[in-house]
Each structure stands twice: as C-alpha cells, then as structure tokens.
Protein backbone atom coordinates (compact mmCIF):
# COMPACT_ATOMS: atom_id res chain seq x y z
CA MET A 1 35.24 54.01 12.86
CA ARG A 2 37.23 50.87 12.25
CA ASN A 3 35.27 47.78 12.66
CA THR A 4 36.63 45.99 15.92
CA PRO A 5 37.54 41.99 15.29
CA GLY A 6 34.20 41.69 17.73
CA LYS A 7 31.92 43.66 15.54
CA ASN A 8 32.98 41.51 12.47
CA ASN A 9 32.97 38.19 13.52
CA ARG A 10 29.06 38.95 14.47
CA ARG A 11 28.43 39.88 11.75
CA ARG A 12 30.21 36.67 10.07
CA ALA A 13 28.05 34.82 12.52
CA GLU A 14 24.96 36.65 11.44
CA ARG A 15 25.25 36.09 8.18
CA SER A 16 25.96 32.53 8.27
CA ALA A 17 23.14 31.94 10.22
CA GLU A 18 20.58 33.71 7.77
CA GLN A 19 22.35 31.97 4.79
CA ALA A 20 21.51 28.56 7.23
CA ALA A 21 18.30 29.91 7.00
CA ARG A 22 17.13 29.99 3.85
CA HIS A 23 18.60 26.79 3.01
CA ALA A 24 16.63 25.49 5.83
CA SER A 25 13.69 27.53 4.63
CA PRO A 26 12.56 24.61 2.16
CA TRP A 27 12.93 21.39 3.96
CA LEU A 28 11.54 23.10 6.97
CA GLU A 29 8.44 24.12 4.24
CA ARG A 30 7.69 20.83 3.16
CA LEU A 31 8.54 19.47 6.99
CA ALA A 32 5.30 21.33 7.87
CA ARG A 33 3.62 20.83 4.71
CA LEU A 34 3.90 16.72 5.91
CA GLY A 35 3.07 17.15 8.87
CA TYR A 36 -0.68 19.06 8.19
CA VAL A 37 -1.76 16.55 6.25
CA ALA A 38 -0.37 13.95 8.76
CA GLU A 39 -2.92 15.50 11.21
CA GLY A 40 -5.34 15.78 9.01
CA VAL A 41 -5.27 11.60 7.83
CA VAL A 42 -5.90 11.62 12.09
CA TYR A 43 -8.71 13.27 12.07
CA VAL A 44 -9.85 12.12 8.82
CA VAL A 45 -9.71 9.00 10.53
CA VAL A 46 -11.60 9.30 13.83
CA GLY A 47 -14.13 11.41 12.34
CA ALA A 48 -15.21 8.31 9.60
CA LEU A 49 -15.16 6.14 12.95
CA ALA A 50 -17.63 8.03 15.34
CA VAL A 51 -19.13 8.60 11.37
CA GLY A 52 -19.88 5.27 11.86
CA VAL A 53 -20.93 4.39 14.88
CA ALA A 54 -23.41 7.32 14.57
CA VAL A 55 -25.53 5.43 11.65
CA GLY A 56 -25.12 2.10 12.73
CA ILE A 57 -22.12 0.15 10.03
CA GLY A 58 -19.58 -0.27 12.72
CA GLY A 59 -16.87 1.82 13.31
CA ARG A 60 -15.86 3.30 17.21
CA THR A 61 -15.50 6.53 19.14
CA THR A 62 -11.45 6.72 19.93
CA ASP A 63 -8.94 9.08 20.26
CA GLU A 64 -6.41 10.26 17.29
CA ARG A 65 -4.49 6.57 19.24
CA GLY A 66 -7.45 4.30 18.32
CA ALA A 67 -6.79 6.14 14.75
CA LEU A 68 -3.16 5.14 14.72
CA GLU A 69 -4.20 1.34 15.83
CA VAL A 70 -6.62 1.32 12.64
CA ILE A 71 -4.36 2.99 10.48
CA GLY A 72 -1.54 0.52 11.47
CA THR A 73 -3.78 -2.19 11.42
CA GLN A 74 -5.07 -2.24 7.67
CA PRO A 75 -4.12 -5.12 5.32
CA LEU A 76 -2.59 -3.52 3.38
CA LEU A 77 0.20 -1.50 3.12
CA GLY A 78 -0.58 -0.15 7.06
CA ARG A 79 3.04 -0.73 8.85
CA VAL A 80 3.51 1.57 5.70
CA LEU A 81 1.08 4.19 6.11
CA LEU A 82 1.37 3.99 9.99
CA ILE A 83 4.88 5.07 9.85
CA SER A 84 4.97 7.75 7.36
CA VAL A 85 1.75 9.34 10.06
CA ALA A 86 4.09 8.88 12.78
CA LEU A 87 7.17 11.02 10.87
CA GLY A 88 4.12 13.67 9.77
CA LEU A 89 3.18 14.28 13.74
CA ALA A 90 6.71 14.10 13.94
CA SER A 91 7.15 17.25 11.49
CA TYR A 92 4.41 18.48 12.69
CA ALA A 93 5.68 18.79 16.18
CA LEU A 94 8.51 20.22 14.43
CA TRP A 95 6.40 23.10 12.63
CA GLN A 96 4.81 24.24 15.60
CA LEU A 97 7.80 24.05 17.86
CA VAL A 98 9.70 26.70 15.22
CA GLN A 99 6.10 28.69 15.48
CA ALA A 100 6.33 29.08 19.16
CA VAL A 101 9.43 30.00 19.28
CA ALA A 102 10.81 31.88 15.87
CA ASP A 103 7.13 33.59 15.66
CA PRO A 104 7.31 33.13 11.31
CA ASP A 105 3.55 33.93 10.97
CA GLY A 106 4.84 37.47 13.84
CA GLU A 107 2.41 36.71 15.77
CA GLY A 108 4.32 39.22 18.44
CA HIS A 109 4.81 39.71 21.96
CA ASP A 110 1.26 40.96 22.53
CA ALA A 111 -0.94 39.01 25.05
CA ARG A 112 -2.27 37.89 22.37
CA GLY A 113 0.51 36.77 19.76
CA ILE A 114 2.26 35.38 23.46
CA ALA A 115 -1.02 33.53 23.75
CA LYS A 116 -1.01 31.89 20.18
CA ARG A 117 3.01 30.76 20.57
CA VAL A 118 2.65 28.54 24.15
CA GLY A 119 -0.27 27.27 22.17
CA HIS A 120 1.84 25.80 19.38
CA GLY A 121 4.26 24.74 22.11
CA PHE A 122 1.76 23.27 23.97
CA ARG A 123 0.47 21.38 20.54
CA ALA A 124 4.46 20.65 19.77
CA LEU A 125 4.21 18.37 22.71
CA LEU A 126 1.22 16.95 22.18
CA ARG A 127 2.13 15.68 18.75
CA VAL A 128 6.07 14.66 19.86
CA GLY A 129 3.53 12.54 22.60
CA LEU A 130 1.83 11.30 19.62
CA ALA A 131 4.30 10.42 17.10
CA PHE A 132 5.87 8.28 19.92
CA THR A 133 2.94 6.46 20.35
CA ALA A 134 2.41 6.07 16.31
CA GLY A 135 6.32 4.66 16.61
CA ARG A 136 5.69 2.23 19.60
CA LEU A 137 2.54 0.93 17.23
CA VAL A 138 5.24 0.04 14.34
CA LEU A 139 6.83 -1.48 16.71
CA GLU A 140 4.13 -3.97 18.37
CA SER A 141 3.94 -2.41 21.34
CA THR A 142 1.29 -1.29 23.33
CA GLY A 143 2.27 0.34 25.37
CA GLY A 144 2.01 3.89 25.90
CA GLY A 145 -0.94 4.45 29.06
CA SER A 146 -4.29 6.02 28.86
CA VAL A 147 -5.56 8.86 29.66
CA GLN A 148 -7.22 7.65 33.19
CA ASP A 149 -3.68 7.23 33.88
CA TRP A 150 -2.07 9.75 33.34
CA THR A 151 -4.35 11.71 35.65
CA ALA A 152 -4.57 9.48 38.51
CA LEU A 153 -0.83 9.93 38.37
CA LEU A 154 -1.84 14.07 37.92
CA LEU A 155 -3.82 13.19 40.91
CA ALA A 156 -1.08 11.29 42.74
CA GLN A 157 1.47 14.43 43.03
CA PRO A 158 1.46 17.46 45.18
CA PHE A 159 -1.61 19.92 44.36
CA GLY A 160 -1.71 16.82 42.28
CA ARG A 161 -5.75 17.92 42.05
CA VAL A 162 -5.38 22.04 41.93
CA LEU A 163 -3.36 20.78 38.48
CA LEU A 164 -5.96 18.66 36.81
CA THR A 165 -8.52 21.31 36.59
CA GLY A 166 -5.35 23.11 35.95
CA VAL A 167 -5.06 21.32 32.92
CA GLY A 168 -8.94 20.69 32.53
CA THR A 169 -10.20 24.56 32.47
CA ALA A 170 -6.78 25.47 30.20
CA ILE A 171 -9.17 22.68 27.90
CA VAL A 172 -12.17 23.84 28.35
CA GLY A 173 -10.62 27.34 27.12
CA TYR A 174 -8.61 25.98 24.36
CA GLY A 175 -12.18 23.96 23.69
CA GLY A 176 -14.26 27.68 23.47
CA ASN A 177 -10.78 30.00 21.50
CA GLN A 178 -11.69 27.12 18.27
CA LEU A 179 -15.11 27.86 18.74
CA TYR A 180 -14.05 31.50 18.61
CA GLN A 181 -11.99 31.05 15.92
CA ALA A 182 -14.50 29.10 13.97
CA TYR A 183 -17.19 32.62 14.12
CA LEU A 184 -14.50 34.15 13.32
CA ALA A 185 -12.90 32.02 10.16
CA ASP A 186 -9.05 34.22 11.68
CA PHE A 187 -7.20 30.76 9.73
CA HIS A 188 -8.19 33.04 6.20
CA GLU A 189 -5.33 34.87 7.16
CA TYR A 190 -2.43 31.96 6.38
CA LEU A 191 -4.03 30.66 2.88
CA LYS A 192 -2.82 31.91 0.14
CA LEU A 193 -6.26 32.92 -0.84
CA GLY A 194 -5.06 34.04 -4.35
CA GLU A 195 -4.28 30.99 -5.74
CA MET A 196 -7.95 29.58 -5.13
CA SER A 197 -10.74 29.50 -6.80
CA VAL A 198 -14.11 31.38 -5.05
CA GLU A 199 -15.55 27.26 -5.34
CA MET A 200 -12.64 26.32 -3.58
CA GLU A 201 -12.21 29.30 -0.93
CA ARG A 202 -15.91 28.86 -0.04
CA TRP A 203 -15.38 25.48 1.15
CA VAL A 204 -12.78 25.98 2.85
CA THR A 205 -13.94 28.19 4.76
CA ARG A 206 -17.12 26.55 5.66
CA GLY A 207 -15.47 23.33 5.87
CA GLY A 208 -12.92 24.91 7.84
CA ARG A 209 -15.72 26.73 10.54
CA PHE A 210 -17.55 23.30 10.54
CA GLY A 211 -14.43 21.70 11.63
CA LEU A 212 -12.47 24.06 14.52
CA ALA A 213 -16.51 24.05 15.59
CA SER A 214 -17.15 20.80 16.32
CA ARG A 215 -13.20 20.41 17.68
CA GLY A 216 -14.68 23.08 20.02
CA VAL A 217 -17.12 21.15 21.04
CA ALA A 218 -15.23 18.02 21.52
CA PHE A 219 -12.45 19.18 23.70
CA GLY A 220 -14.34 20.78 26.11
CA ILE A 221 -16.10 18.07 26.50
CA VAL A 222 -12.53 16.60 27.54
CA GLY A 223 -11.31 19.48 29.54
CA VAL A 224 -15.20 19.42 32.11
CA PHE A 225 -14.10 15.37 32.60
CA LEU A 226 -11.01 16.39 33.06
CA VAL A 227 -12.42 19.04 36.05
CA LEU A 228 -15.46 16.13 36.81
CA ALA A 229 -12.10 13.99 37.60
CA ALA A 230 -9.61 15.97 39.52
CA TRP A 231 -13.45 17.35 41.86
CA ARG A 232 -14.61 14.11 42.42
CA TYR A 233 -9.86 12.77 43.05
CA ASP A 234 -10.88 10.50 40.94
CA SER A 235 -9.30 9.00 37.89
CA SER A 236 -11.70 7.01 35.77
CA GLN A 237 -14.03 10.16 35.92
CA ALA A 238 -11.43 11.22 32.79
CA GLN A 239 -11.57 10.64 29.87
CA GLY A 240 -9.96 11.48 26.32
CA LEU A 241 -11.45 12.56 22.85
CA GLY A 242 -13.02 9.19 22.38
CA GLY A 243 -14.89 9.64 25.80
CA ALA A 244 -15.71 12.41 24.47
CA LEU A 245 -17.57 11.21 21.75
CA GLN A 246 -19.30 8.21 23.58
CA GLU A 247 -20.53 10.91 26.35
CA LEU A 248 -22.26 12.62 22.55
CA LEU A 249 -23.60 9.37 21.96
CA ARG A 250 -25.62 9.07 25.74
CA GLN A 251 -27.40 12.34 25.33
CA PRO A 252 -31.16 12.87 23.95
CA PHE A 253 -31.03 13.00 19.74
CA GLY A 254 -27.24 10.99 20.67
CA PRO A 255 -26.84 9.56 17.18
CA TRP A 256 -27.42 12.82 15.27
CA ILE A 257 -25.57 14.74 17.64
CA LEU A 258 -22.26 12.59 17.44
CA CYS A 259 -23.71 12.30 13.63
CA VAL A 260 -22.51 16.19 13.52
CA VAL A 261 -19.88 16.57 15.98
CA ALA A 262 -18.24 13.40 13.49
CA PHE A 263 -18.83 14.33 10.43
CA GLY A 264 -16.62 18.03 12.01
CA LEU A 265 -13.23 15.98 12.89
CA ALA A 266 -13.21 14.67 9.82
CA ALA A 267 -13.86 18.07 7.86
CA TYR A 268 -12.16 19.80 10.14
CA GLY A 269 -8.93 16.38 8.92
CA LEU A 270 -10.16 17.91 5.09
CA LEU A 271 -9.33 21.45 6.09
CA MET A 272 -5.77 20.78 7.72
CA PHE A 273 -5.08 19.10 4.37
CA GLY A 274 -5.39 22.55 2.83
CA VAL A 275 -4.01 23.94 5.05
CA ALA A 276 -1.00 21.96 3.21
CA ARG A 277 -1.53 22.78 0.03
CA TYR A 278 -1.91 26.56 0.91
CA ARG A 279 -0.45 27.88 4.29
CA LYS A 280 1.81 30.94 4.20
CA ILE A 281 4.88 29.06 5.00
CA ALA A 282 7.94 31.74 5.46
CA PRO A 283 10.28 30.24 8.54
CA SER A 284 13.23 31.96 7.39
CA ARG A 285 11.78 35.39 7.36
CA ALA A 286 10.95 34.78 11.32
CA LEU A 287 15.00 33.13 12.16
CA ARG A 288 16.20 36.83 9.82
CA GLY A 289 14.19 38.68 11.93
CA THR A 290 15.08 37.44 14.72
CA HIS A 291 18.43 38.12 14.62
CA HIS A 292 18.48 41.82 12.17
CA ALA A 293 16.08 42.45 15.68
CA SER A 294 18.65 41.41 18.20
CA ARG A 295 21.53 43.04 16.05
CA SER A 296 19.44 46.09 16.38
CA SER A 297 19.43 46.12 20.64
CA ARG A 298 22.54 45.96 21.23
C-alpha cells in the first residue's frame, strides 16, 4: 500500500521523538543521580542532628527544611552547598515526574504499578516545594510556612477536616509501605547488583532496610499527628518530621529510641548515595516504549 502523507509525517515525528529521547537520556540520567545525592545529603543531616540530641552533644530534631537551614549556615561554602542541594532537589523532582509519567522502570498499569507512579508524582511535588524552600534560604528569605500553617489553611477549606484526615491516612499508609519495602528489600530490583562486591551488596541491603524502616516509623507518626489535628480541629496538633522525632524522645527510653531512628534516617541518606551510583536509569527506553505503544494502538 502507498504511504499517505499523514503516515509519513507521523513516522517522521516518531523518529524525531525517539532521537530526542536518546539525546536527552544522558542528561536526564545525570540529573536523576544528582537528585539522589541531594536527597541523601538532606537525610544524613537530619539523622546526624537527631543523633546529637539523643546522645546529648547538641543538635536538634528537625525536618528537611531544618536540614537545609543548617547546610546554608555553614561557615565554609554554606551558600554554595545550599545552591547545589537546591539544584539537586529540583533534579530529583524532575526525575520523579519522569517516573510518574513515562514509567522508565516498567511499573505497568495494574493497581500496584499505578500506586507507585502516583507516589512518584506526589514525591515530585514535595521535592519541588523543598527545592523552592532551599532557593528562598539562598536568598535569605525565611518565608514558606510551617506544618501548622499549612494544616490551618487546609482545615479552613470546605471539607477541610475530611481532606486532612485523608492526607494523614495516606502518610500513615506511606509509612507502612516503607516498612513493607524494608522487609522485602525490593530496592534491589532497581540496582545494578552485578557491579557491586558481595560486601557492598550486604551493606547496601542492611543499611537500606534499616533506613526504610526508620523512615516508615517517622512518617507514620507524622501521619498520626495530622489525623489527630483533623479530629480535634486543631492545627497545633500537626507535626512534621522534626515533631515526630521529638515525640520519640518523649517516650520511655526516648533517647535510645531516637538514636536508633536517627541512625536509620542517616542510613537512608547513605542508601541514596548508593542509589545515585548503582541505580538502573533508562529514561529513553521508556519514552521509546511510549511511542511504540501509541503507534501500535492506532
């Protein structure tokens, strides 16, 4: 059959898209790896500060924003480090968006795959906000609003209590999912295990499980606080990651519990460094697959 002008144009567009994907892939891979490093830096700082509180040598229980403030106030190159982390967080948000839309990991379209991709999209939004916060700190602006401010704003909306309960429940579920991932160690499937030594793989597995479990505990507490704030219609009940760590400190054997969770958060940060080095990243493959799928469906 003779090719129509429409088919020829479509094929040229598909070839152009695939070529653009191949050219964009190396840059997107670099941005993704930079993003994992930035994520790791933030959690290592959060964990290290909380360890200092637990063992009584200083520090503070804080969240990701507090970690950025600490980075920016370092006497040597603090502003430069903060700019680097801000760019890294923006890169991480872009990669999470690609994971949500293009599905480079082949998560699929079943319930589990869609849930993962929705999670990527949600994390992209959160990291955009954190990158914006880092940018404001670079410009020496302290605005941005606390967890209580955002909670109060949400409660003031129609059906705000229902919305906040939903958000809190979702975060509790996310914390539970982190615990489940720690049990399965399913981050293995995304890593180039063949490039690791046996000892490296062992440490990545142990540290990754420990870090994910600790993060699951912390985010579970954050979600519970949000649900309580909704039920009591009191925004002051809401707490972020720093508040969750402080709550651990108030429990029996609090310093010991906080120390374990804080080391776990730092371990999660170290896991991100490992992911930055060994993660399988192939965004162009997903984009090409998307084009081929759309072509075959016509």
